[in-house]
C-alpha atoms as a PDB file:
ATOM      1  CA  MET A   1      -9.179  31.461 -23.560  1.00  0.00           C
ATOM      2  CA  ARG A   2      -6.617  30.902 -20.846  1.00  0.00           C
ATOM      3  CA  ARG A   3      -6.259  27.250 -19.859  1.00  0.00           C
ATOM      4  CA  ARG A   4      -6.962  26.448 -16.226  1.00  0.00           C
ATOM      5  CA  PRO A   5      -3.981  24.790 -14.504  1.00  0.00           C
ATOM      6  CA  GLU A   6      -4.274  21.213 -13.318  1.00  0.00           C
ATOM      7  CA  CYS A   7      -5.128  20.760  -9.642  1.00  0.00           C
ATOM      8  CA  TYR A   8      -3.097  17.575  -9.260  1.00  0.00           C
ATOM      9  CA  THR A   9       0.433  16.809 -10.368  1.00  0.00           C
ATOM     10  CA  PHE A  10       2.765  13.876  -9.802  1.00  0.00           C
ATOM     11  CA  PRO A  11       6.344  13.084 -10.869  1.00  0.00           C
ATOM     12  CA  HIS A  12       6.682   9.592 -12.354  1.00  0.00           C
ATOM     13  CA  TYR A  13       9.578   7.262 -11.668  1.00  0.00           C
ATOM     14  CA  GLU A  14      10.253   4.321 -13.988  1.00  0.00           C
ATOM     15  CA  VAL A  15      11.931   1.241 -12.468  1.00  0.00           C
ATOM     16  CA  PRO A  16      10.874  -2.366 -13.181  1.00  0.00           C
ATOM     17  CA  ALA A  17       8.997  -4.057 -10.341  1.00  0.00           C
ATOM     18  CA  ARG A  18      10.077  -7.505  -9.109  1.00  0.00           C
ATOM     19  CA  HIS A  19       8.153  -9.913  -6.955  1.00  0.00           C
ATOM     20  CA  LYS A  20       8.224 -13.422  -5.462  1.00  0.00           C
ATOM     21  CA  GLN A  21       5.482 -14.512  -3.068  1.00  0.00           C
ATOM     22  CA  PRO A  22       4.820 -17.567  -0.900  1.00  0.00           C
ATOM     23  CA  ASP A  23       1.582 -19.529  -1.071  1.00  0.00           C
ATOM     24  CA  TYR A  24      -0.891 -17.379   0.888  1.00  0.00           C
ATOM     25  CA  VAL A  25      -2.786 -20.315   2.416  1.00  0.00           C
ATOM     26  CA  LYS A  26       0.384 -21.928   3.741  1.00  0.00           C
ATOM     27  CA  TRP A  27       1.836 -18.595   4.833  1.00  0.00           C
ATOM     28  CA  GLN A  28      -1.160 -17.853   7.045  1.00  0.00           C
ATOM     29  CA  LYS A  29      -0.729 -21.201   8.818  1.00  0.00           C
ATOM     30  CA  VAL A  30       2.627 -20.148  10.274  1.00  0.00           C
ATOM     31  CA  GLY A  31       1.946 -19.599  13.953  1.00  0.00           C
ATOM     32  CA  ILE A  32       3.689 -18.368  17.079  1.00  0.00           C
ATOM     33  CA  GLY A  33       5.594 -21.164  18.793  1.00  0.00           C
ATOM     34  CA  MET A  34       6.253 -23.278  15.708  1.00  0.00           C
ATOM     35  CA  THR A  35       9.784 -24.616  15.346  1.00  0.00           C
ATOM     36  CA  ARG A  36      12.124 -23.982  12.439  1.00  0.00           C
ATOM     37  CA  ASP A  37      11.488 -27.536  11.254  1.00  0.00           C
ATOM     38  CA  ASP A  38       7.719 -26.919  11.391  1.00  0.00           C
ATOM     39  CA  VAL A  39       8.115 -23.827   9.214  1.00  0.00           C
ATOM     40  CA  VAL A  40      10.326 -25.599   6.686  1.00  0.00           C
ATOM     41  CA  ALA A  41       7.887 -28.502   6.483  1.00  0.00           C
ATOM     42  CA  LEU A  42       5.097 -26.036   5.710  1.00  0.00           C
ATOM     43  CA  LEU A  43       6.801 -23.451   3.460  1.00  0.00           C
ATOM     44  CA  GLY A  44       9.900 -25.232   2.251  1.00  0.00           C
ATOM     45  CA  ARG A  45      13.498 -24.169   2.710  1.00  0.00           C
ATOM     46  CA  PRO A  46      14.023 -20.424   3.199  1.00  0.00           C
ATOM     47  CA  LEU A  47      15.143 -18.339   0.272  1.00  0.00           C
ATOM     48  CA  ARG A  48      18.303 -16.326  -0.016  1.00  0.00           C
ATOM     49  CA  ASP A  49      17.487 -12.656   0.484  1.00  0.00           C
ATOM     50  CA  PRO A  50      18.913 -11.071  -2.679  1.00  0.00           C
ATOM     51  CA  TYR A  51      18.944  -7.600  -1.102  1.00  0.00           C
ATOM     52  CA  SER A  52      20.789  -8.021   2.179  1.00  0.00           C
ATOM     53  CA  ALA A  53      21.475 -11.490   3.552  1.00  0.00           C
ATOM     54  CA  PRO A  54      24.046 -14.161   2.632  1.00  0.00           C
ATOM     55  CA  ARG A  55      23.078 -17.776   1.942  1.00  0.00           C
ATOM     56  CA  PRO A  56      20.513 -18.883   4.571  1.00  0.00           C
ATOM     57  CA  ARG A  57      21.637 -21.024   7.517  1.00  0.00           C
ATOM     58  CA  LYS A  58      19.556 -23.307   9.726  1.00  0.00           C
ATOM     59  CA  ASP A  59      20.122 -21.200  12.865  1.00  0.00           C
ATOM     60  CA  ASP A  60      19.303 -17.828  11.262  1.00  0.00           C
ATOM     61  CA  ALA A  61      17.082 -15.565  13.367  1.00  0.00           C
ATOM     62  CA  TYR A  62      14.907 -14.845  10.306  1.00  0.00           C
ATOM     63  CA  TYR A  63      13.777 -17.031   7.426  1.00  0.00           C
ATOM     64  CA  PHE A  64      13.051 -15.159   4.207  1.00  0.00           C
ATOM     65  CA  TYR A  65      10.217 -16.361   1.935  1.00  0.00           C
ATOM     66  CA  GLY A  66       9.604 -13.694  -0.683  1.00  0.00           C
ATOM     67  CA  TYR A  67       9.570 -10.035  -1.577  1.00  0.00           C
ATOM     68  CA  LEU A  68       7.888  -7.237  -3.470  1.00  0.00           C
ATOM     69  CA  GLN A  69      10.385  -4.807  -4.965  1.00  0.00           C
ATOM     70  CA  LEU A  70       8.444  -1.747  -6.063  1.00  0.00           C
ATOM     71  CA  PRO A  71       9.698   1.302  -7.995  1.00  0.00           C
ATOM     72  CA  MET A  72       9.148   3.887  -5.282  1.00  0.00           C
ATOM     73  CA  MET A  73      10.881   7.252  -4.994  1.00  0.00           C
ATOM     74  CA  PRO A  74      13.673   8.164  -4.617  1.00  0.00           C
ATOM     75  CA  HIS A  75      14.825   4.515  -4.457  1.00  0.00           C
ATOM     76  CA  ALA A  76      13.101   1.198  -5.065  1.00  0.00           C
ATOM     77  CA  ARG A  77      11.357  -0.115  -1.937  1.00  0.00           C
ATOM     78  CA  THR A  78      11.531  -3.806  -1.017  1.00  0.00           C
ATOM     79  CA  TYR A  79       8.833  -5.374   1.149  1.00  0.00           C
ATOM     80  CA  ARG A  80       9.747  -8.775   2.585  1.00  0.00           C
ATOM     81  CA  PHE A  81       7.999 -11.923   3.747  1.00  0.00           C
ATOM     82  CA  TYR A  82       9.905 -13.293   6.723  1.00  0.00           C
ATOM     83  CA  VAL A  83       9.498 -15.443   9.821  1.00  0.00           C
ATOM     84  CA  GLY A  84      11.407 -14.556  13.002  1.00  0.00           C
ATOM     85  CA  PHE A  85      12.590 -16.985  15.688  1.00  0.00           C
ATOM     86  CA  ASP A  86      13.630 -16.655  19.330  1.00  0.00           C
ATOM     87  CA  ASN A  87      16.724 -18.175  20.973  1.00  0.00           C
ATOM     88  CA  GLN A  88      14.917 -21.496  21.338  1.00  0.00           C
ATOM     89  CA  GLY A  89      14.211 -21.639  17.622  1.00  0.00           C
ATOM     90  CA  ARG A  90      10.484 -20.960  17.864  1.00  0.00           C
ATOM     91  CA  VAL A  91       8.444 -18.476  15.839  1.00  0.00           C
ATOM     92  CA  VAL A  92       7.922 -15.103  17.529  1.00  0.00           C
ATOM     93  CA  THR A  93       6.921 -13.010  14.496  1.00  0.00           C
ATOM     94  CA  ARG A  94       5.703 -13.293  10.926  1.00  0.00           C
ATOM     95  CA  ALA A  95       5.799 -10.253   8.649  1.00  0.00           C
ATOM     96  CA  ASP A  96       4.281  -9.622   5.244  1.00  0.00           C
ATOM     97  CA  PRO A  97       3.736  -6.526   3.062  1.00  0.00           C
ATOM     98  CA  PHE A  98      -0.065  -6.614   3.208  1.00  0.00           C
ATOM     99  CA  GLY A  99      -0.921  -5.813   6.809  1.00  0.00           C
ATOM    100  CA  GLY A 100      -2.296  -9.354   7.181  1.00  0.00           C
ATOM    101  CA  VAL A 101      -4.954  -8.969   4.446  1.00  0.00           C
ATOM    102  CA  PHE A 102      -4.741 -11.763   1.852  1.00  0.00           C
ATOM    103  CA  SER A 103      -6.609 -12.325  -1.389  1.00  0.00           C
ATOM    104  CA  PRO A 104      -8.416 -15.703  -1.439  1.00  0.00           C
ATOM    105  CA  ASP A 105      -8.360 -16.063  -5.231  1.00  0.00           C
ATOM    106  CA  GLY A 106      -5.593 -13.856  -6.652  1.00  0.00           C
ATOM    107  CA  THR A 107      -7.830 -10.841  -7.351  1.00  0.00           C
ATOM    108  CA  PRO A 108      -6.718  -7.599  -5.661  1.00  0.00           C
ATOM    109  CA  SER A 109      -7.624  -7.337  -1.984  1.00  0.00           C
ATOM    110  CA  GLN A 110      -9.096  -4.145  -0.523  1.00  0.00           C
ATOM    111  CA  PRO A 111      -6.366  -1.556   0.142  1.00  0.00           C
ATOM    112  CA  MET A 112      -5.737  -0.344   3.683  1.00  0.00           C
ATOM    113  CA  ILE A 113      -4.742   3.348   3.817  1.00  0.00           C
ATOM    114  CA  PHE A 114      -2.480   4.379   6.688  1.00  0.00           C
ATOM    115  CA  THR A 115      -1.590   8.000   5.925  1.00  0.00           C
ATOM    116  CA  PRO A 116      -2.745  10.697   6.236  1.00  0.00           C
ATOM    117  CA  SER A 117      -4.828  10.059   9.332  1.00  0.00           C
ATOM    118  CA  ASN A 118      -8.547  10.330   8.707  1.00  0.00           C
ATOM    119  CA  GLY A 119      -9.757  13.896   9.221  1.00  0.00           C
ATOM    120  CA  ALA A 120      -6.238  15.379   9.159  1.00  0.00           C
ATOM    121  CA  ILE A 121      -6.100  19.186   8.954  1.00  0.00           C
ATOM    122  CA  PHE A 122      -3.178  20.746   7.072  1.00  0.00           C
ATOM    123  CA  SER A 123      -1.921  24.308   6.819  1.00  0.00           C
ATOM    124  CA  HIS A 124       1.293  23.897   4.813  1.00  0.00           C
ATOM    125  CA  TYR A 125       1.944  25.401   1.393  1.00  0.00           C
ATOM    126  CA  PRO A 126       2.453  24.220  -1.303  1.00  0.00           C
ATOM    127  CA  ARG A 127      -0.503  21.936  -0.576  1.00  0.00           C
ATOM    128  CA  ILE A 128       1.264  18.611  -1.046  1.00  0.00           C
ATOM    129  CA  VAL A 129      -0.727  15.540  -0.004  1.00  0.00           C
ATOM    130  CA  ASP A 130       1.232  12.375   0.800  1.00  0.00           C
ATOM    131  CA  MET A 131      -1.094   9.357   0.407  1.00  0.00           C
ATOM    132  CA  ARG A 132       0.080   5.876   1.417  1.00  0.00           C
ATOM    133  CA  TRP A 133      -1.417   2.422   1.838  1.00  0.00           C
ATOM    134  CA  TYR A 134      -0.242  -1.145   2.367  1.00  0.00           C
ATOM    135  CA  PRO A 135       0.523  -3.055  -0.834  1.00  0.00           C
ATOM    136  CA  VAL A 136      -2.467  -5.041  -2.054  1.00  0.00           C
ATOM    137  CA  SER A 137      -2.289  -8.823  -2.023  1.00  0.00           C
ATOM    138  CA  GLY A 138      -3.161 -10.918  -5.074  1.00  0.00           C
ATOM    139  CA  ARG A 139      -1.490 -11.935  -8.292  1.00  0.00           C
ATOM    140  CA  TYR A 140       1.373  -9.680  -9.334  1.00  0.00           C
ATOM    141  CA  PRO A 141       2.146  -7.515 -11.243  1.00  0.00           C
ATOM    142  CA  MET A 142      -0.300  -5.133  -9.553  1.00  0.00           C
ATOM    143  CA  SER A 143      -1.244  -1.543 -10.342  1.00  0.00           C
ATOM    144  CA  TYR A 144      -3.425   1.005  -8.558  1.00  0.00           C
ATOM    145  CA  GLU A 145      -6.124   3.507  -9.388  1.00  0.00           C
ATOM    146  CA  VAL A 146      -6.295   6.626  -7.241  1.00  0.00           C
ATOM    147  CA  GLU A 147      -9.401   8.783  -6.978  1.00  0.00           C
ATOM    148  CA  LEU A 148      -9.026  12.237  -5.448  1.00  0.00           C
ATOM    149  CA  GLY A 149     -11.771  14.749  -4.782  1.00  0.00           C
ATOM    150  CA  HIS A 150     -12.478  18.109  -3.202  1.00  0.00           C
ATOM    151  CA  CYS A 151     -15.452  20.236  -2.228  1.00  0.00           C
ATOM    152  CA  GLY A 152     -15.899  23.930  -1.514  1.00  0.00           C
ATOM    153  CA  LEU A 153     -16.608  25.723   1.744  1.00  0.00           C
ATOM    154  CA  ILE A 154     -20.357  25.869   1.263  1.00  0.00           C
ATOM    155  CA  THR A 155     -22.243  23.479   3.516  1.00  0.00           C
ATOM    156  CA  GLY A 156     -23.923  20.687   1.584  1.00  0.00           C
ATOM    157  CA  GLN A 157     -21.753  20.967  -1.511  1.00  0.00           C
ATOM    158  CA  PRO A 158     -20.924  17.537  -3.008  1.00  0.00           C
ATOM    159  CA  TYR A 159     -17.400  16.222  -3.464  1.00  0.00           C
ATOM    160  CA  ARG A 160     -16.071  16.392  -6.993  1.00  0.00           C
ATOM    161  CA  ASP A 161     -14.081  13.184  -7.462  1.00  0.00           C
ATOM    162  CA  ARG A 162     -12.024  11.990 -10.380  1.00  0.00           C
ATOM    163  CA  ILE A 163      -9.474   9.273 -11.062  1.00  0.00           C
ATOM    164  CA  ILE A 164      -6.094  10.978 -11.268  1.00  0.00           C
ATOM    165  CA  GLU A 165      -3.908   7.890 -11.711  1.00  0.00           C
ATOM    166  CA  SER A 166      -4.783   4.486 -13.163  1.00  0.00           C
ATOM    167  CA  GLU A 167      -1.471   2.657 -13.730  1.00  0.00           C
ATOM    168  CA  LEU A 168       0.437   3.349 -10.521  1.00  0.00           C
ATOM    169  CA  GLU A 169       2.862   0.521  -9.683  1.00  0.00           C
ATOM    170  CA  PHE A 170       3.541   1.331  -6.041  1.00  0.00           C
ATOM    171  CA  PRO A 171       1.408   1.954  -2.932  1.00  0.00           C
ATOM    172  CA  TYR A 172       1.771   5.685  -2.483  1.00  0.00           C
ATOM    173  CA  PHE A 173       0.906   8.865  -4.308  1.00  0.00           C
ATOM    174  CA  VAL A 174       2.040  12.457  -3.838  1.00  0.00           C
ATOM    175  CA  ALA A 175      -0.175  15.172  -5.293  1.00  0.00           C
ATOM    176  CA  THR A 176      -0.491  18.931  -5.271  1.00  0.00           C
ATOM    177  CA  PHE A 177      -3.969  19.719  -3.966  1.00  0.00           C
ATOM    178  CA  CYS A 178      -5.857  22.757  -5.244  1.00  0.00           C
ATOM    179  CA  GLY A 179      -7.391  25.228  -2.835  1.00  0.00           C
ATOM    180  CA  THR A 180      -7.985  25.708   0.880  1.00  0.00           C
ATOM    181  CA  GLN A 181     -10.809  23.215   1.025  1.00  0.00           C
ATOM    182  CA  PRO A 182     -11.706  19.703   2.190  1.00  0.00           C
ATOM    183  CA  GLY A 183     -10.545  16.698   0.209  1.00  0.00           C
ATOM    184  CA  ARG A 184     -10.738  12.930   0.175  1.00  0.00           C
ATOM    185  CA  PHE A 185      -9.203  10.030  -1.712  1.00  0.00           C
ATOM    186  CA  ARG A 186      -9.520   6.299  -2.141  1.00  0.00           C
ATOM    187  CA  VAL A 187      -7.603   3.622  -4.035  1.00  0.00           C
ATOM    188  CA  ARG A 188      -8.097   0.177  -5.553  1.00  0.00           C
ATOM    189  CA  GLY A 189      -5.853  -2.471  -7.064  1.00  0.00           C
ATOM    190  CA  ARG A 190      -5.846  -3.904 -10.575  1.00  0.00           C
ATOM    191  CA  ASN A 191      -4.183  -7.034 -11.946  1.00  0.00           C
ATOM    192  CA  ALA A 192      -4.629  -9.609 -14.712  1.00  0.00           C
ATOM    193  CA  LEU A 193      -7.613 -11.135 -12.869  1.00  0.00           C
ATOM    194  CA  GLY A 194      -9.595  -7.921 -12.587  1.00  0.00           C
ATOM    195  CA  THR A 195     -10.149  -4.763 -10.558  1.00  0.00           C
ATOM    196  CA  GLY A 196     -10.478  -4.914  -6.784  1.00  0.00           C
ATOM    197  CA  VAL A 197     -12.865  -3.058  -4.509  1.00  0.00           C
ATOM    198  CA  TRP A 198     -12.215   0.522  -3.480  1.00  0.00           C
ATOM    199  CA  SER A 199     -10.638   1.270  -0.136  1.00  0.00           C
ATOM    200  CA  ASP A 200     -12.620   3.294   2.353  1.00  0.00           C
ATOM    201  CA  TYR A 201     -12.397   7.044   1.751  1.00  0.00           C
ATOM    202  CA  ARG A 202      -9.700   8.920   3.640  1.00  0.00           C
ATOM    203  CA  TYR A 203     -10.674  12.537   4.405  1.00  0.00           C
ATOM    204  CA  PHE A 204      -8.411  15.543   4.957  1.00  0.00           C
ATOM    205  CA  ASN A 205      -8.760  19.320   5.019  1.00  0.00           C
ATOM    206  CA  PHE A 206      -6.679  22.328   3.990  1.00  0.00           C
ATOM    207  CA  THR A 207      -8.785  24.803   5.948  1.00  0.00           C
ATOM    208  CA  PRO A 208      -9.612  25.310   9.632  1.00  0.00           C
ATOM    209  CA  GLU A 209     -13.241  25.598   8.562  1.00  0.00           C
ATOM    210  CA  ASP A 210     -15.397  22.508   9.025  1.00  0.00           C
ATOM    211  CA  PRO A 211     -18.027  22.526   6.284  1.00  0.00           C
ATOM    212  CA  ILE A 212     -20.366  19.556   5.949  1.00  0.00           C
ATOM    213  CA  CYS A 213     -19.748  18.191   2.474  1.00  0.00           C
ATOM    214  CA  ARG A 214     -22.078  15.697   0.863  1.00  0.00           C
ATOM    215  CA  SER A 215     -20.416  12.300   0.405  1.00  0.00           C
ATOM    216  CA  THR A 216     -22.255  11.511  -2.839  1.00  0.00           C
END
């Protein structure tokens, strides 16, 4: 009997992940208008950015407080925690890798998907789906489970979902999707403290048709 080809494929890339994070509770207390001295009193002295900046100076426009270096393709991707100051030395921005969503207890927070847009309709071939989300906050190292599903063009047909990756170390997944049909995916984080909640489903379609698929 001829073996049916896999619907989903993904090339793996092995690079060790590195991470250093600030205290989440203190980090969230950094507010617009605070002075450099206020920030240092709260978070401590800024760190040296090992990827771009020289030794930190008091009058730097940005103070660096941590990073997530993840083994993404084709090169490792580094997400930074930093605080930005204006010419008067007051906070005007605070950036983190998580889209502002922080875990209260170290367990994985709920992922926030940002691409593709919900309900996106594609016509390209090969049917490559680029799925991305913000890194999940919580204790690191962190891995991800990805569930991908599809349904046929018959109205009322249920989605057929399955976990296609369970030890992904970075917040994106590229898959070859099978068929001109609707699809959906969701993702959740996993770390030493447990498995987080699933993200909301993100729906897409490889057909101009608009069948009504059952969500369960």
